[in-house]
Amino acid sequence: MKKLILTSPSSMGQVGLEPFDLLKQNDYQIINNPYGRKLTEDEVIELAKDCIGIVAGIEPLTARVMDNLPLLRCISRVGVGMDNVDLEYAKHKGIKVVNTPNGPTRAVAEFTLAMTLALLRKIPRADADLKDKQWKKQIGSLIFEKQIGIIGLGRIGQMVAELFRGIGNPVIGFDVFPNKKWANLNGVELKSFNEVIVQSDILTLHIPGNNDKTPIVGEKEIEKMKDHAYIINIARGGVVDEEALYGALVSQKLAGAAVDVFLEEPYAGPLCELENVILTPHLGSYAKEGKLKMEIDAVQNLIMELKQ
């Protein structure tokens, strides 16, 4: 009997073929995403109808999808976020769901630091001007002595804090279940959610978001932020209210923002019109070393679960 696996991420294997090799070495046959983009429900159903496992990206793995995949035994997510998977229904169906919590940590943390520096020094704007044959010197800001505020001190948030502390910035943070020992060892001052919002010069978010997609940082929270502060969202689309963020950037309540994740992706909304925001297409984990590790980890998790 064929042991079929759907590898659904559109960029699966682009960095290296090791994940596919692992599947083949364990006698699995691969159905790869042929579309080069996120799959729809119907496409997942068509491609995975005879599959026992899915190495999953961000495609919708809903109750309807699972009901139409009678052989499915395991969903192994390449990445951390599980928002696209109906976890309760998977449990009800006896489908194992696993992810790769360690794979993207370093990549996302470094990307957060890179986005912050690029935002403060207006590097993308200067690059665009020069490529448009304009010799125009952008005046940016130093990160020196800026108060960094981190909402969410899990694996990624902790590494972000360590990177900022490493270049000499004071860091405050909030987490629902804070690791006080880690915070003390790394010079991170734990504060309430409201205190971090109010006191930060640069606010960076590393949280999963609400199940109902309502924003955690909305108009009310942005209004409490320091005038001319910066916000970095590398977490989840919808964690920051995009409409409220747009208004704050237009009014210059906020000096700038960097956004990698959006409520609807691909994003083509009004933030694209602004110069004081850096927008990237969900690149946080897209460092070749981290991406390959996540894909290998996801395949290994799948193989281990299917052997049980």
Foldseek 3Di string as FASTA:
>chain_A
DAAEEEEEDLCPQVLHCVLVVVCVVVRHDYDYHPPSDADELVRLLVRQQAHQEYADEQYAADLVSVVSNVNHAEYFYLEDADLRHPVVSCVVVNHHYYFDDPLQQVLLLVVQVVQVVCLQLVVVVCVVCVVVVHNDHDDGDDPPAFEEEEEACDSNNVSNLQVCVVVPYAYEYEDPDDDVVSCVVRNYHYDHPLCSLQRGLEYEYADAADSVLAACAELVSLVNYQFQGEYEYLHEASNYDPVSVVVCCVVSSHQAYEYAYHPDPPDDDDVVVDSSYHYHPNCRRVDSRSSVVSSNVSSVVVVVSVVD
